[in-house]
């Protein structure tokens, strides 16, 4: 029973870490550039 629980938790952990990495890359790629007018304020 403990073996199956450990395997299930490991699978969930791998899935979450994969999604977090993908989300981070999507955020970096989709980040818009800030207009110069906002930087001067």
Protein backbone atom coordinates (compact mmCIF):
# COMPACT_ATOMS: atom_id res chain seq x y z
CA UNK A 1 0.00 0.00 0.00
CA UNK A 2 2.79 2.45 0.86
CA UNK A 3 4.51 1.65 -2.41
CA UNK A 4 1.45 2.65 -4.44
CA UNK A 5 0.98 5.83 -2.44
CA UNK A 6 4.61 6.78 -3.00
CA UNK A 7 4.30 6.09 -6.72
CA UNK A 8 1.11 8.17 -6.95
CA UNK A 9 2.69 11.10 -5.08
CA UNK A 10 5.79 10.91 -7.27
CA UNK A 11 3.63 10.99 -10.41
CA UNK A 12 1.67 14.02 -9.14
CA UNK A 13 4.93 15.76 -8.25
CA UNK A 14 6.39 15.18 -11.70
CA UNK A 15 3.20 16.46 -13.33
CA UNK A 16 3.09 19.61 -11.20
CA UNK A 17 6.78 20.37 -11.76
CA UNK A 18 6.36 19.92 -15.50
CA UNK A 19 3.38 22.26 -15.59
CA UNK A 20 5.20 24.87 -13.49
CA UNK A 21 8.20 24.81 -15.83
CA UNK A 22 5.99 25.14 -18.89
CA UNK A 23 4.02 27.97 -17.29
CA UNK A 24 7.22 29.81 -16.47
CA UNK A 25 8.45 29.58 -20.06
CA UNK A 26 5.09 30.74 -21.40
CA UNK A 27 5.16 33.74 -19.04
CA UNK A 28 8.68 34.69 -20.11
CA UNK A 29 7.85 34.38 -23.82
CA UNK A 30 4.50 36.22 -23.57
CA UNK A 31 5.72 39.02 -21.31
CA UNK A 32 4.98 42.30 -23.11
CA UNK A 33 7.53 45.07 -23.36
CA UNK A 34 6.91 48.10 -21.16
CA UNK A 35 6.24 51.38 -22.98
CA UNK A 36 8.86 54.09 -22.57
CA UNK A 37 6.21 56.49 -21.24
CA UNK A 38 5.68 54.26 -18.20
CA UNK A 39 9.42 54.06 -17.50
CA UNK A 40 9.83 57.84 -17.41
CA UNK A 41 7.24 58.37 -14.64
